[in-house]
C-alpha atoms as a PDB file:
ATOM      1  CA  MET A   1      62.354-265.633 -25.584  1.00  0.00           C
ATOM      2  CA  PHE A   2      58.728-263.356 -25.390  1.00  0.00           C
ATOM      3  CA  GLU A   3      57.552-261.578 -22.757  1.00  0.00           C
ATOM      4  CA  ASN A   4      53.537-261.801 -22.494  1.00  0.00           C
ATOM      5  CA  LYS A   5      51.551-258.673 -22.340  1.00  0.00           C
ATOM      6  CA  LYS A   6      54.577-256.197 -21.614  1.00  0.00           C
ATOM      7  CA  ASP A   7      53.846-252.550 -20.389  1.00  0.00           C
ATOM      8  CA  LEU A   8      54.851-250.058 -22.419  1.00  0.00           C
ATOM      9  CA  SER A   9      54.281-246.934 -20.836  1.00  0.00           C
ATOM     10  CA  THR A  10      58.036-246.390 -19.959  1.00  0.00           C
ATOM     11  CA  LEU A  11      58.801-247.405 -23.594  1.00  0.00           C
ATOM     12  CA  THR A  12      56.888-244.643 -25.414  1.00  0.00           C
ATOM     13  CA  THR A  13      57.782-240.741 -25.063  1.00  0.00           C
ATOM     14  CA  PHE A  14      53.711-240.341 -24.468  1.00  0.00           C
ATOM     15  CA  HIS A  15      53.474-242.677 -21.585  1.00  0.00           C
ATOM     16  CA  VAL A  16      50.458-243.824 -22.531  1.00  0.00           C
ATOM     17  CA  SER A  17      49.043-247.011 -20.489  1.00  0.00           C
ATOM     18  CA  SER A  18      48.952-250.263 -23.202  1.00  0.00           C
ATOM     19  CA  PHE A  19      50.391-253.171 -23.236  1.00  0.00           C
ATOM     20  CA  ALA A  20      52.243-255.761 -25.894  1.00  0.00           C
ATOM     21  CA  GLU A  21      50.879-259.007 -26.346  1.00  0.00           C
ATOM     22  CA  TYR A  22      54.569-260.335 -26.996  1.00  0.00           C
ATOM     23  CA  PHE A  23      57.685-258.435 -26.646  1.00  0.00           C
ATOM     24  CA  THR A  24      61.484-259.065 -26.895  1.00  0.00           C
ATOM     25  CA  SER A  25      64.161-256.910 -27.075  1.00  0.00           C
ATOM     26  CA  VAL A  26      67.357-257.619 -29.669  1.00  0.00           C
ATOM     27  CA  THR A  27      70.974-256.401 -29.321  1.00  0.00           C
ATOM     28  CA  SER A  28      72.248-257.836 -32.553  1.00  0.00           C
ATOM     29  CA  ILE A  29      70.989-258.493 -36.389  1.00  0.00           C
ATOM     30  CA  GLU A  30      72.070-262.326 -35.413  1.00  0.00           C
ATOM     31  CA  GLN A  31      69.524-262.073 -32.493  1.00  0.00           C
ATOM     32  CA  LEU A  32      67.308-260.210 -34.606  1.00  0.00           C
ATOM     33  CA  LYS A  33      67.202-263.032 -37.393  1.00  0.00           C
ATOM     34  CA  THR A  34      66.488-265.999 -34.638  1.00  0.00           C
ATOM     35  CA  VAL A  35      63.774-263.221 -32.796  1.00  0.00           C
ATOM     36  CA  LEU A  36      61.768-263.118 -36.852  1.00  0.00           C
ATOM     37  CA  THR A  37      62.571-267.207 -37.117  1.00  0.00           C
ATOM     38  CA  SER A  38      60.413-267.682 -34.065  1.00  0.00           C
ATOM     39  CA  SER A  39      58.141-265.474 -34.599  1.00  0.00           C
ATOM     40  CA  ARG A  40      56.383-266.914 -37.469  1.00  0.00           C
ATOM     41  CA  LYS A  41      55.282-269.855 -35.482  1.00  0.00           C
ATOM     42  CA  LEU A  42      53.175-267.116 -33.559  1.00  0.00           C
ATOM     43  CA  GLY A  43      51.395-265.707 -36.658  1.00  0.00           C
ATOM     44  CA  LYS A  44      50.784-262.586 -35.784  1.00  0.00           C
ATOM     45  CA  ASN A  45      51.602-258.955 -36.280  1.00  0.00           C
ATOM     46  CA  ILE A  46      54.893-257.665 -36.212  1.00  0.00           C
ATOM     47  CA  LYS A  47      56.173-254.218 -35.777  1.00  0.00           C
ATOM     48  CA  ILE A  48      59.616-252.725 -34.769  1.00  0.00           C
ATOM     49  CA  LEU A  49      60.070-249.813 -31.642  1.00  0.00           C
ATOM     50  CA  GLY A  50      63.061-247.651 -31.084  1.00  0.00           C
ATOM     51  CA  SER A  51      62.659-244.796 -28.535  1.00  0.00           C
ATOM     52  CA  GLY A  52      58.513-244.827 -28.830  1.00  0.00           C
ATOM     53  CA  SER A  53      59.099-241.326 -29.547  1.00  0.00           C
ATOM     54  CA  ASN A  54      56.937-241.207 -32.308  1.00  0.00           C
ATOM     55  CA  VAL A  55      54.761-243.445 -31.635  1.00  0.00           C
ATOM     56  CA  LEU A  56      51.150-243.006 -30.251  1.00  0.00           C
ATOM     57  CA  PHE A  57      49.143-246.506 -28.522  1.00  0.00           C
ATOM     58  CA  THR A  58      45.779-246.150 -29.061  1.00  0.00           C
ATOM     59  CA  LYS A  59      45.087-249.532 -27.996  1.00  0.00           C
ATOM     60  CA  ASN A  60      47.249-252.917 -26.684  1.00  0.00           C
ATOM     61  CA  PHE A  61      49.379-254.232 -29.550  1.00  0.00           C
ATOM     62  CA  MET A  62      48.138-257.698 -30.332  1.00  0.00           C
ATOM     63  CA  GLY A  63      51.178-258.968 -32.152  1.00  0.00           C
ATOM     64  CA  LEU A  64      55.327-259.436 -31.478  1.00  0.00           C
ATOM     65  CA  LEU A  65      56.980-255.967 -30.559  1.00  0.00           C
ATOM     66  CA  ILE A  66      60.360-256.144 -31.247  1.00  0.00           C
ATOM     67  CA  HIS A  67      62.807-253.102 -29.430  1.00  0.00           C
ATOM     68  CA  ASN A  68      65.758-252.576 -31.698  1.00  0.00           C
ATOM     69  CA  CYS A  69      68.776-251.986 -29.394  1.00  0.00           C
ATOM     70  CA  ILE A  70      71.480-252.914 -32.226  1.00  0.00           C
ATOM     71  CA  GLU A  71      73.722-250.449 -31.311  1.00  0.00           C
ATOM     72  CA  GLY A  72      77.362-249.241 -32.190  1.00  0.00           C
ATOM     73  CA  ILE A  73      79.101-246.737 -34.701  1.00  0.00           C
ATOM     74  CA  SER A  74      82.056-246.849 -37.411  1.00  0.00           C
ATOM     75  CA  LEU A  75      84.168-244.585 -39.269  1.00  0.00           C
ATOM     76  CA  SER A  76      85.823-244.370 -42.759  1.00  0.00           C
ATOM     77  CA  GLU A  77      87.583-241.144 -43.361  1.00  0.00           C
ATOM     78  CA  ASN A  78      88.991-239.721 -46.535  1.00  0.00           C
ATOM     79  CA  ASP A  79      90.656-236.044 -46.630  1.00  0.00           C
ATOM     80  CA  SER A  80      87.451-234.009 -47.117  1.00  0.00           C
ATOM     81  CA  TYR A  81      84.401-236.310 -45.942  1.00  0.00           C
ATOM     82  CA  THR A  82      83.961-239.203 -43.502  1.00  0.00           C
ATOM     83  CA  ASN A  83      81.283-241.601 -43.874  1.00  0.00           C
ATOM     84  CA  VAL A  84      79.779-242.660 -40.622  1.00  0.00           C
ATOM     85  CA  THR A  85      77.967-246.053 -40.218  1.00  0.00           C
ATOM     86  CA  VAL A  86      75.460-246.205 -37.262  1.00  0.00           C
ATOM     87  CA  ASN A  87      73.385-248.812 -36.148  1.00  0.00           C
ATOM     88  CA  ALA A  88      69.838-248.511 -35.894  1.00  0.00           C
ATOM     89  CA  GLY A  89      69.110-249.372 -31.844  1.00  0.00           C
ATOM     90  CA  VAL A  90      71.818-246.021 -31.160  1.00  0.00           C
ATOM     91  CA  GLU A  91      70.062-242.910 -29.808  1.00  0.00           C
ATOM     92  CA  TRP A  92      69.968-239.884 -32.811  1.00  0.00           C
ATOM     93  CA  HIS A  93      70.562-237.100 -30.126  1.00  0.00           C
ATOM     94  CA  SER A  94      74.113-239.309 -29.003  1.00  0.00           C
ATOM     95  CA  PHE A  95      74.892-239.950 -32.447  1.00  0.00           C
ATOM     96  CA  VAL A  96      74.701-236.449 -33.436  1.00  0.00           C
ATOM     97  CA  THR A  97      76.902-235.547 -29.837  1.00  0.00           C
ATOM     98  CA  PHE A  98      79.078-237.894 -31.057  1.00  0.00           C
ATOM     99  CA  CYS A  99      79.944-235.953 -34.359  1.00  0.00           C
ATOM    100  CA  ILE A 100      80.466-232.906 -32.808  1.00  0.00           C
ATOM    101  CA  GLU A 101      82.983-234.513 -30.310  1.00  0.00           C
ATOM    102  CA  ASN A 102      84.624-235.761 -33.604  1.00  0.00           C
ATOM    103  CA  ASN A 103      84.325-232.612 -35.849  1.00  0.00           C
ATOM    104  CA  LEU A 104      81.793-234.044 -38.015  1.00  0.00           C
ATOM    105  CA  GLY A 105      79.862-231.838 -40.119  1.00  0.00           C
ATOM    106  CA  GLY A 106      76.149-232.212 -41.692  1.00  0.00           C
ATOM    107  CA  ILE A 107      73.992-233.113 -38.709  1.00  0.00           C
ATOM    108  CA  GLU A 108      74.055-230.342 -35.856  1.00  0.00           C
ATOM    109  CA  ASN A 109      70.972-228.752 -36.980  1.00  0.00           C
ATOM    110  CA  LEU A 110      69.282-232.250 -36.396  1.00  0.00           C
ATOM    111  CA  ALA A 111      70.166-231.894 -32.617  1.00  0.00           C
ATOM    112  CA  LEU A 112      68.123-232.997 -30.107  1.00  0.00           C
ATOM    113  CA  ILE A 113      65.481-234.574 -32.047  1.00  0.00           C
ATOM    114  CA  PRO A 114      64.091-237.916 -29.984  1.00  0.00           C
ATOM    115  CA  GLY A 115      64.141-241.240 -31.578  1.00  0.00           C
ATOM    116  CA  LYS A 116      66.935-243.949 -32.613  1.00  0.00           C
ATOM    117  CA  CYS A 117      68.922-243.669 -35.850  1.00  0.00           C
ATOM    118  CA  GLY A 118      66.562-246.301 -37.664  1.00  0.00           C
ATOM    119  CA  ALA A 119      63.737-243.935 -37.223  1.00  0.00           C
ATOM    120  CA  ALA A 120      65.954-241.393 -39.139  1.00  0.00           C
ATOM    121  CA  PRO A 121      65.367-242.582 -42.668  1.00  0.00           C
ATOM    122  CA  ILE A 122      61.704-243.792 -42.084  1.00  0.00           C
ATOM    123  CA  GLN A 123      60.364-240.289 -41.306  1.00  0.00           C
ATOM    124  CA  ASN A 124      63.576-238.400 -43.222  1.00  0.00           C
ATOM    125  CA  ILE A 125      63.857-236.619 -40.090  1.00  0.00           C
ATOM    126  CA  GLY A 126      64.410-232.693 -40.372  1.00  0.00           C
ATOM    127  CA  ALA A 127      64.682-229.265 -38.594  1.00  0.00           C
ATOM    128  CA  TYR A 128      66.386-225.634 -39.325  1.00  0.00           C
ATOM    129  CA  GLY A 129      66.661-226.169 -42.832  1.00  0.00           C
ATOM    130  CA  VAL A 130      68.497-229.601 -42.646  1.00  0.00           C
ATOM    131  CA  GLU A 131      66.869-232.971 -43.631  1.00  0.00           C
ATOM    132  CA  LEU A 132      68.757-236.382 -43.279  1.00  0.00           C
ATOM    133  CA  ALA A 133      68.563-236.886 -46.944  1.00  0.00           C
ATOM    134  CA  ASP A 134      70.782-233.916 -47.543  1.00  0.00           C
ATOM    135  CA  VAL A 135      74.325-236.358 -46.111  1.00  0.00           C
ATOM    136  CA  LEU A 136      72.612-239.732 -46.522  1.00  0.00           C
ATOM    137  CA  ILE A 137      74.713-242.205 -48.161  1.00  0.00           C
ATOM    138  CA  SER A 138      72.620-245.875 -47.957  1.00  0.00           C
ATOM    139  CA  VAL A 139      70.334-247.482 -45.150  1.00  0.00           C
ATOM    140  CA  SER A 140      71.045-251.290 -44.301  1.00  0.00           C
ATOM    141  CA  VAL A 141      68.098-253.678 -44.086  1.00  0.00           C
ATOM    142  CA  LEU A 142      67.092-256.752 -43.063  1.00  0.00           C
ATOM    143  CA  ASP A 143      63.470-258.378 -44.942  1.00  0.00           C
ATOM    144  CA  ILE A 144      61.226-259.741 -42.432  1.00  0.00           C
ATOM    145  CA  ASP A 145      60.337-262.674 -44.886  1.00  0.00           C
ATOM    146  CA  THR A 146      63.357-263.430 -46.040  1.00  0.00           C
ATOM    147  CA  LEU A 147      66.118-262.558 -43.583  1.00  0.00           C
ATOM    148  CA  GLN A 148      67.792-261.449 -46.489  1.00  0.00           C
ATOM    149  CA  ASP A 149      70.295-258.474 -45.932  1.00  0.00           C
ATOM    150  CA  TYR A 150      70.320-255.432 -48.032  1.00  0.00           C
ATOM    151  CA  SER A 151      70.914-251.845 -49.007  1.00  0.00           C
ATOM    152  CA  LEU A 152      69.190-249.346 -50.213  1.00  0.00           C
ATOM    153  CA  SER A 153      70.771-246.004 -51.492  1.00  0.00           C
ATOM    154  CA  ASN A 154      69.859-242.526 -51.214  1.00  0.00           C
ATOM    155  CA  SER A 155      67.774-241.919 -54.403  1.00  0.00           C
ATOM    156  CA  GLU A 156      66.638-245.772 -53.777  1.00  0.00           C
ATOM    157  CA  CYS A 157      65.069-244.382 -50.285  1.00  0.00           C
ATOM    158  CA  LYS A 158      62.532-242.346 -52.333  1.00  0.00           C
ATOM    159  CA  PHE A 159      62.875-239.323 -49.543  1.00  0.00           C
ATOM    160  CA  GLY A 160      60.131-236.677 -49.508  1.00  0.00           C
ATOM    161  CA  TYR A 161      58.907-234.317 -46.861  1.00  0.00           C
ATOM    162  CA  ARG A 162      58.951-236.887 -43.487  1.00  0.00           C
ATOM    163  CA  ASP A 163      58.491-239.289 -45.603  1.00  0.00           C
ATOM    164  CA  SER A 164      60.049-242.351 -47.379  1.00  0.00           C
ATOM    165  CA  ILE A 165      60.055-246.012 -49.363  1.00  0.00           C
ATOM    166  CA  PHE A 166      60.070-247.112 -45.786  1.00  0.00           C
ATOM    167  CA  LYS A 167      56.483-245.670 -45.016  1.00  0.00           C
ATOM    168  CA  ASN A 168      55.456-246.650 -48.858  1.00  0.00           C
ATOM    169  CA  GLU A 169      56.434-249.681 -50.286  1.00  0.00           C
ATOM    170  CA  LEU A 170      58.581-251.311 -47.932  1.00  0.00           C
ATOM    171  CA  PHE A 171      56.516-250.815 -44.920  1.00  0.00           C
ATOM    172  CA  GLY A 172      56.126-253.787 -42.637  1.00  0.00           C
ATOM    173  CA  LYS A 173      58.578-255.344 -45.024  1.00  0.00           C
ATOM    174  CA  CYS A 174      61.850-254.890 -43.570  1.00  0.00           C
ATOM    175  CA  VAL A 175      64.047-253.491 -40.460  1.00  0.00           C
ATOM    176  CA  ILE A 176      66.027-250.926 -40.867  1.00  0.00           C
ATOM    177  CA  THR A 177      69.468-252.310 -39.304  1.00  0.00           C
ATOM    178  CA  SER A 178      71.967-249.251 -39.830  1.00  0.00           C
ATOM    179  CA  ILE A 179      72.452-246.026 -41.560  1.00  0.00           C
ATOM    180  CA  THR A 180      75.594-244.453 -43.751  1.00  0.00           C
ATOM    181  CA  LEU A 181      76.179-241.003 -43.823  1.00  0.00           C
ATOM    182  CA  GLN A 182      78.846-238.542 -45.610  1.00  0.00           C
ATOM    183  CA  LEU A 183      79.560-235.869 -43.268  1.00  0.00           C
ATOM    184  CA  SER A 184      82.144-232.925 -43.658  1.00  0.00           C
ATOM    185  CA  ASN A 185      85.411-233.183 -41.544  1.00  0.00           C
ATOM    186  CA  SER A 186      86.946-229.775 -42.861  1.00  0.00           C
ATOM    187  CA  HIS A 187      85.200-227.039 -44.449  1.00  0.00           C
ATOM    188  CA  HIS A 188      81.936-227.245 -42.601  1.00  0.00           C
ATOM    189  CA  ALA A 189      79.143-226.180 -44.669  1.00  0.00           C
ATOM    190  CA  ILE A 190      77.534-224.291 -42.095  1.00  0.00           C
ATOM    191  CA  ASN A 191      73.397-223.989 -42.257  1.00  0.00           C
ATOM    192  CA  TYR A 192      72.191-220.748 -40.144  1.00  0.00           C
ATOM    193  CA  ASN A 193      69.361-219.614 -42.449  1.00  0.00           C
ATOM    194  CA  TYR A 194      66.652-220.441 -40.528  1.00  0.00           C
ATOM    195  CA  LYS A 195      65.318-217.647 -38.354  1.00  0.00           C
ATOM    196  CA  ASP A 196      65.338-219.213 -34.656  1.00  0.00           C
ATOM    197  CA  VAL A 197      69.080-220.418 -35.568  1.00  0.00           C
ATOM    198  CA  ALA A 198      70.514-217.160 -36.860  1.00  0.00           C
ATOM    199  CA  VAL A 199      68.486-215.149 -33.976  1.00  0.00           C
ATOM    200  CA  GLU A 200      69.736-217.563 -30.874  1.00  0.00           C
ATOM    201  CA  LEU A 201      73.370-217.115 -32.646  1.00  0.00           C
ATOM    202  CA  GLU A 202      72.814-213.413 -32.753  1.00  0.00           C
ATOM    203  CA  ASN A 203      71.662-212.997 -28.821  1.00  0.00           C
ATOM    204  CA  GLN A 204      75.160-215.084 -28.343  1.00  0.00           C
ATOM    205  CA  SER A 205      77.242-212.093 -30.555  1.00  0.00           C
ATOM    206  CA  ILE A 206      78.628-215.015 -32.814  1.00  0.00           C
ATOM    207  CA  THR A 207      79.008-213.829 -36.406  1.00  0.00           C
ATOM    208  CA  LYS A 208      81.358-217.006 -37.477  1.00  0.00           C
ATOM    209  CA  PRO A 209      79.647-220.010 -35.937  1.00  0.00           C
ATOM    210  CA  SER A 210      80.991-223.517 -35.632  1.00  0.00           C
ATOM    211  CA  ILE A 211      79.347-226.882 -35.934  1.00  0.00           C
ATOM    212  CA  LYS A 212      79.369-227.099 -32.095  1.00  0.00           C
ATOM    213  CA  ASP A 213      78.032-223.655 -31.994  1.00  0.00           C
ATOM    214  CA  ILE A 214      75.018-224.580 -34.178  1.00  0.00           C
ATOM    215  CA  PHE A 215      74.152-227.811 -32.151  1.00  0.00           C
ATOM    216  CA  SER A 216      74.421-225.729 -28.769  1.00  0.00           C
ATOM    217  CA  ALA A 217      71.681-222.825 -30.326  1.00  0.00           C
ATOM    218  CA  VAL A 218      69.329-225.613 -31.813  1.00  0.00           C
ATOM    219  CA  VAL A 219      69.291-227.552 -28.331  1.00  0.00           C
ATOM    220  CA  SER A 220      68.916-224.447 -26.426  1.00  0.00           C
ATOM    221  CA  ILE A 221      66.045-223.398 -29.044  1.00  0.00           C
ATOM    222  CA  ARG A 222      64.566-226.748 -28.462  1.00  0.00           C
ATOM    223  CA  LYS A 223      64.840-227.058 -24.736  1.00  0.00           C
ATOM    224  CA  ARG A 224      63.001-224.090 -24.659  1.00  0.00           C
ATOM    225  CA  LYS A 225      60.388-224.010 -27.419  1.00  0.00           C
ATOM    226  CA  LEU A 226      59.032-227.836 -26.425  1.00  0.00           C
ATOM    227  CA  PRO A 227      58.444-230.531 -23.248  1.00  0.00           C
ATOM    228  CA  ASP A 228      60.966-232.735 -22.019  1.00  0.00           C
ATOM    229  CA  PRO A 229      59.040-235.826 -22.807  1.00  0.00           C
ATOM    230  CA  ASN A 230      60.318-237.168 -19.353  1.00  0.00           C
ATOM    231  CA  VAL A 231      58.626-234.504 -17.663  1.00  0.00           C
ATOM    232  CA  LEU A 232      55.450-234.310 -19.763  1.00  0.00           C
ATOM    233  CA  GLY A 233      54.582-237.005 -22.061  1.00  0.00           C
ATOM    234  CA  ASN A 234      54.687-235.963 -25.794  1.00  0.00           C
ATOM    235  CA  ALA A 235      55.987-237.336 -29.371  1.00  0.00           C
ATOM    236  CA  GLY A 236      57.330-233.485 -30.217  1.00  0.00           C
ATOM    237  CA  SER A 237      55.639-232.291 -33.314  1.00  0.00           C
ATOM    238  CA  PHE A 238      52.474-234.346 -33.759  1.00  0.00           C
ATOM    239  CA  PHE A 239      51.551-232.831 -37.122  1.00  0.00           C
ATOM    240  CA  LYS A 240      53.865-232.364 -40.532  1.00  0.00           C
ATOM    241  CA  ASN A 241      53.925-228.584 -41.741  1.00  0.00           C
ATOM    242  CA  PRO A 242      51.534-228.629 -44.833  1.00  0.00           C
ATOM    243  CA  ILE A 243      52.796-228.129 -48.500  1.00  0.00           C
ATOM    244  CA  ILE A 244      50.569-226.125 -50.393  1.00  0.00           C
ATOM    245  CA  SER A 245      50.459-224.572 -54.072  1.00  0.00           C
ATOM    246  CA  ASN A 246      50.991-221.093 -54.615  1.00  0.00           C
ATOM    247  CA  ILE A 247      48.241-220.057 -55.982  1.00  0.00           C
ATOM    248  CA  GLU A 248      46.808-221.570 -52.463  1.00  0.00           C
ATOM    249  CA  PHE A 249      49.076-219.755 -50.390  1.00  0.00           C
ATOM    250  CA  LYS A 250      48.377-216.669 -52.094  1.00  0.00           C
ATOM    251  CA  ARG A 251      45.032-216.910 -51.172  1.00  0.00           C
ATOM    252  CA  LEU A 252      45.378-217.536 -47.851  1.00  0.00           C
ATOM    253  CA  GLN A 253      47.883-214.754 -47.576  1.00  0.00           C
ATOM    254  CA  ILE A 254      44.822-212.284 -48.086  1.00  0.00           C
ATOM    255  CA  GLU A 255      42.929-213.186 -45.087  1.00  0.00           C
ATOM    256  CA  PHE A 256      46.154-214.375 -43.207  1.00  0.00           C
ATOM    257  CA  PRO A 257      48.868-211.874 -44.248  1.00  0.00           C
ATOM    258  CA  THR A 258      51.075-212.948 -41.032  1.00  0.00           C
ATOM    259  CA  LEU A 259      51.056-216.493 -42.231  1.00  0.00           C
ATOM    260  CA  PRO A 260      54.625-218.327 -42.304  1.00  0.00           C
ATOM    261  CA  SER A 261      56.235-220.018 -45.553  1.00  0.00           C
ATOM    262  CA  TYR A 262      59.117-221.375 -46.655  1.00  0.00           C
ATOM    263  CA  PHE A 263      59.923-221.855 -49.945  1.00  0.00           C
ATOM    264  CA  VAL A 264      59.579-225.505 -51.536  1.00  0.00           C
ATOM    265  CA  ASP A 265      59.967-225.174 -55.222  1.00  0.00           C
ATOM    266  CA  GLU A 266      58.459-222.537 -58.048  1.00  0.00           C
ATOM    267  CA  LYS A 267      55.174-224.180 -57.239  1.00  0.00           C
ATOM    268  CA  THR A 268      54.367-225.014 -53.892  1.00  0.00           C
ATOM    269  CA  VAL A 269      54.930-223.362 -50.289  1.00  0.00           C
ATOM    270  CA  LYS A 270      55.745-225.041 -46.722  1.00  0.00           C
ATOM    271  CA  ILE A 271      53.710-223.127 -44.262  1.00  0.00           C
ATOM    272  CA  ALA A 272      53.586-223.753 -40.627  1.00  0.00           C
ATOM    273  CA  ALA A 273      50.988-225.845 -39.117  1.00  0.00           C
ATOM    274  CA  ALA A 274      51.837-224.124 -35.302  1.00  0.00           C
ATOM    275  CA  TYR A 275      50.549-221.219 -36.949  1.00  0.00           C
ATOM    276  CA  LEU A 276      47.427-222.684 -38.191  1.00  0.00           C
ATOM    277  CA  ILE A 277      46.852-224.311 -34.747  1.00  0.00           C
ATOM    278  CA  GLU A 278      47.257-221.053 -32.866  1.00  0.00           C
ATOM    279  CA  THR A 279      45.171-218.984 -34.947  1.00  0.00           C
ATOM    280  CA  VAL A 280      41.996-221.529 -34.501  1.00  0.00           C
ATOM    281  CA  GLY A 281      42.645-220.712 -30.854  1.00  0.00           C
ATOM    282  CA  MET A 282      44.147-224.494 -29.897  1.00  0.00           C
ATOM    283  CA  LYS A 283      47.290-223.291 -28.316  1.00  0.00           C
ATOM    284  CA  GLY A 284      47.706-224.097 -24.663  1.00  0.00           C
ATOM    285  CA  PHE A 285      44.101-225.911 -25.074  1.00  0.00           C
ATOM    286  CA  THR A 286      43.096-228.657 -22.697  1.00  0.00           C
ATOM    287  CA  ILE A 287      40.798-231.247 -22.858  1.00  0.00           C
ATOM    288  CA  GLY A 288      40.655-233.578 -19.908  1.00  0.00           C
ATOM    289  CA  ASN A 289      43.937-235.636 -19.518  1.00  0.00           C
ATOM    290  CA  VAL A 290      45.909-234.363 -22.548  1.00  0.00           C
ATOM    291  CA  GLY A 291      46.453-231.059 -24.462  1.00  0.00           C
ATOM    292  CA  THR A 292      48.214-228.779 -26.887  1.00  0.00           C
ATOM    293  CA  HIS A 293      51.707-227.278 -25.198  1.00  0.00           C
ATOM    294  CA  LYS A 294      51.403-223.929 -23.776  1.00  0.00           C
ATOM    295  CA  ASN A 295      54.576-222.531 -26.222  1.00  0.00           C
ATOM    296  CA  GLN A 296      54.384-225.018 -28.827  1.00  0.00           C
ATOM    297  CA  PRO A 297      50.666-225.871 -30.483  1.00  0.00           C
ATOM    298  CA  LEU A 298      52.120-228.619 -32.843  1.00  0.00           C
ATOM    299  CA  VAL A 299      53.272-230.488 -29.555  1.00  0.00           C
ATOM    300  CA  LEU A 300      50.258-232.773 -28.306  1.00  0.00           C
ATOM    301  CA  VAL A 301      51.032-233.524 -24.213  1.00  0.00           C
ATOM    302  CA  ASN A 302      49.956-236.102 -22.078  1.00  0.00           C
ATOM    303  CA  TYR A 303      49.238-234.507 -18.437  1.00  0.00           C
ATOM    304  CA  GLY A 304      49.972-237.599 -16.568  1.00  0.00           C
ATOM    305  CA  ASN A 305      46.670-240.251 -17.037  1.00  0.00           C
ATOM    306  CA  GLY A 306      46.051-239.654 -20.865  1.00  0.00           C
ATOM    307  CA  THR A 307      45.042-242.098 -22.823  1.00  0.00           C
ATOM    308  CA  GLY A 308      46.386-243.290 -26.312  1.00  0.00           C
ATOM    309  CA  GLN A 309      42.148-242.412 -27.386  1.00  0.00           C
ATOM    310  CA  GLU A 310      42.139-239.139 -26.195  1.00  0.00           C
ATOM    311  CA  ILE A 311      44.944-237.978 -27.645  1.00  0.00           C
ATOM    312  CA  LEU A 312      43.809-239.355 -31.191  1.00  0.00           C
ATOM    313  CA  GLU A 313      40.105-237.429 -30.308  1.00  0.00           C
ATOM    314  CA  LEU A 314      42.421-234.269 -29.563  1.00  0.00           C
ATOM    315  CA  SER A 315      44.031-234.535 -32.744  1.00  0.00           C
ATOM    316  CA  LYS A 316      41.164-235.188 -34.862  1.00  0.00           C
ATOM    317  CA  ILE A 317      39.215-231.722 -32.810  1.00  0.00           C
ATOM    318  CA  ILE A 318      42.502-229.338 -34.127  1.00  0.00           C
ATOM    319  CA  ILE A 319      42.286-231.332 -38.297  1.00  0.00           C
ATOM    320  CA  GLU A 320      38.713-230.276 -38.126  1.00  0.00           C
ATOM    321  CA  LYS A 321      39.169-227.077 -36.631  1.00  0.00           C
ATOM    322  CA  VAL A 322      42.258-226.086 -39.217  1.00  0.00           C
ATOM    323  CA  GLN A 323      40.367-227.392 -42.314  1.00  0.00           C
ATOM    324  CA  ASN A 324      37.199-225.509 -41.423  1.00  0.00           C
ATOM    325  CA  THR A 325      39.287-222.068 -41.196  1.00  0.00           C
ATOM    326  CA  PHE A 326      41.796-222.227 -43.789  1.00  0.00           C
ATOM    327  CA  GLY A 327      40.731-225.364 -46.021  1.00  0.00           C
ATOM    328  CA  ILE A 328      43.823-227.269 -45.665  1.00  0.00           C
ATOM    329  CA  ARG A 329      43.994-230.767 -43.830  1.00  0.00           C
ATOM    330  CA  LEU A 330      46.413-231.207 -41.299  1.00  0.00           C
ATOM    331  CA  HIS A 331      48.556-234.770 -41.267  1.00  0.00           C
ATOM    332  CA  THR A 332      49.974-236.732 -38.469  1.00  0.00           C
ATOM    333  CA  GLU A 333      53.897-237.130 -37.859  1.00  0.00           C
ATOM    334  CA  VAL A 334      53.572-239.359 -34.980  1.00  0.00           C
ATOM    335  CA  ASN A 335      52.509-242.866 -36.121  1.00  0.00           C
ATOM    336  CA  ILE A 336      48.830-244.293 -34.381  1.00  0.00           C
ATOM    337  CA  TRP A 337      49.185-247.684 -33.522  1.00  0.00           C
END
């Protein structure tokens, strides 16, 4: 049932060399339950792997790694909305594409985000003015200890910026098996307030965009700005955009008047981590076999022979330089294993 010393270099988008002590793939909830039951005999650490697009292995994984490949999509329609349940093993971008093809609106701004649908609520993925929490109804999970299925509502997921209950109270305690979203099937609420999207649409002379137009614009932007992990190992944005107080932001504006910012609420502002990293001279920076991308310093890349430890050390250098210059500590969006 379990593979020994499974090579993980092709199962993560950083493509660093590492192996899992034990490894298996599951394609159904029943199979997942069987694997979890059998794993108790091993008495080992258990982790779930999706696309490996938000994971950095810094050493070999000693334990059981379960590759979640449970696929399938089901729809339930009414007059204005369609509830869509998608299983955790479905690739996120494939799912977004499916929704666009079926005129289902709400996640078009989240196109081309790497990963599987099961990872989406863990990170509360977001891009270009939209977060998963905006459309999510519920998350179905399997308790690792009891093997009981249960569901969490949107509010029970405790979503925050790139945060959720799955990264906190439920970390390591359950496996996400599916998510259910409420998407529009008519009168779509088009969101193109984000500057990059608005500019892309303007360049294409589109004044009344459809969800397909937004989808295409986001795909174009991401392809232009971000490296393809199949060509250059990376996990997308390595750091979260910091959220700071208005008072701190006003202080920084005096010295850095072009500091990009995004309104969060009356007391806080989100600022661009990419700007911070570029300002401290780390855009296009290389050290050994790793570096920051030449077009997007928020993306750390493996040039072919880099190790997870090298990427981790690079991230520490960036964190220290940003801290010393801005007084802001960056936090990783990527999971360090």
